[in-house]
Amino acid sequence: MPPPRARDLGLPFPGIPGSFNAITDVAGVTVGYTTLTDPTRDMRTGVTAIIPRGYSAVPMPVWAGQYSLNGNGELTGSHWINDAGYFIGPVCITNTHGVGAVHSGATRWMIDTYSDFFRNDHAWAMPVVGETYDGVLNDINAMFVEPQHAIAALHSATGGPIAEGSVGGGNGMICYEFKGGTGTSSRQVAIGEATYTIGALVQANFGIRPWLNILGYPVGRMMPEGTLLSQDTGSIIVVLGTDAPLSGLSLRQIAKRAAIGIGRTGTPGGNSSGDIFLAFSTANAGPMPQHGATLQHHETLNNEWLDPLYLGAVEAVEEAVINALVAGEDTPTVKPRGRICPGIDRNALAALFQAPV
């Protein structure tokens, strides 16, 4: 049985989620994991893979925007996203020392998957790979993540409900000094006569306990037991996906709203935290630019109508972080050895929202 999610505990998050309350509510988006756990080797790490348009042998641009609240981290391919407003291929997330291996594996997957494109064109692969530091719960210097783990995560990617917590790249992560990791959520947003979906997936590895706020409750100060850190030493990667037709510039504005979403959970954005955000749109599918017409025609929403999407992004990111926390279980530390990173007390958390206000 998977652990309960935040809404299962009665937490009254605002907004209307999609069917799965996950980034996979955006049609075509698939997510896969490789989870590496071996306590005898101090191993607790992995790879998360997101394929924005699902499996296809033909590459297509994915329109995108990127924003960093604090840059103490890595997101490969972001320079091109900021210049061109798109990327091709997958988005992967792993630990800090696994970026090179995952980049290599994702490149191999792209060459194999888009084989005609790479065989017949002067094609280049620039996969998007993000990271957060898992060195408290994993021997990060052992560099357990290898290229085949990224390939396996990509091959396992599916739609529908997806696992949260200690899966994929989130396996060794800590959030507000509770066990953190992977979390996801989504929102349905009405703009004009259309309804769009926006979904978030986070690798939550940030914050110290006193900062934690959940829907207005100072939960971190109410649950002070089992703290591990003297200062914020983690990071968070946020990936936002939508089917709304947006330009690269508008998607950068969407990505910025992830900062408000994580801010709702209490963080001020610590100096050592890489708070790095990516937003993409699956709308306006079409050929690679070098195979497209000279004059391009794309639909884009009027920026004056984007406020509901901004709100949906904020709400989805906030809930995704709390879902990552709620999925956590007690986990022994590697550095320093012999301590326990606690999972959040779900019963106590649920009780807060059952008490009269």
Foldseek 3Di string as FASTA:
>chain_A
DFFDFPVVLVQDFDFDFAPQQFLLSADQKWKFWDFDDDVVQLAGWAKIKIAQRHADLAKWWWFKAKDWPAALWDKWPRVVCHVPRTAIFMEMEIARLQQVQQQVLRQVVNCVSNVVCVVPHVDDHTYIYTHKHLQFRGVVVVNPDHSVRNVVRSVRIDGDHDHAALTHRLVRAAAQLARFAKFKGKHWFDFDPDIKIKMKIKGHHWHHQQQFDRPHRSVSVVDVPQHDDPHIQIEMEMEMEMQAFAHSVVNNVLFVLLVLLVVNRGDPQDNNYTYIYMYTHPYPIDHDPVPDDPDDDGDHDDPVRCVRSSVRSSSGSNSRRSRRLSSGAWGATVVVGDGIRHRDDSNVVSVVSVDDD
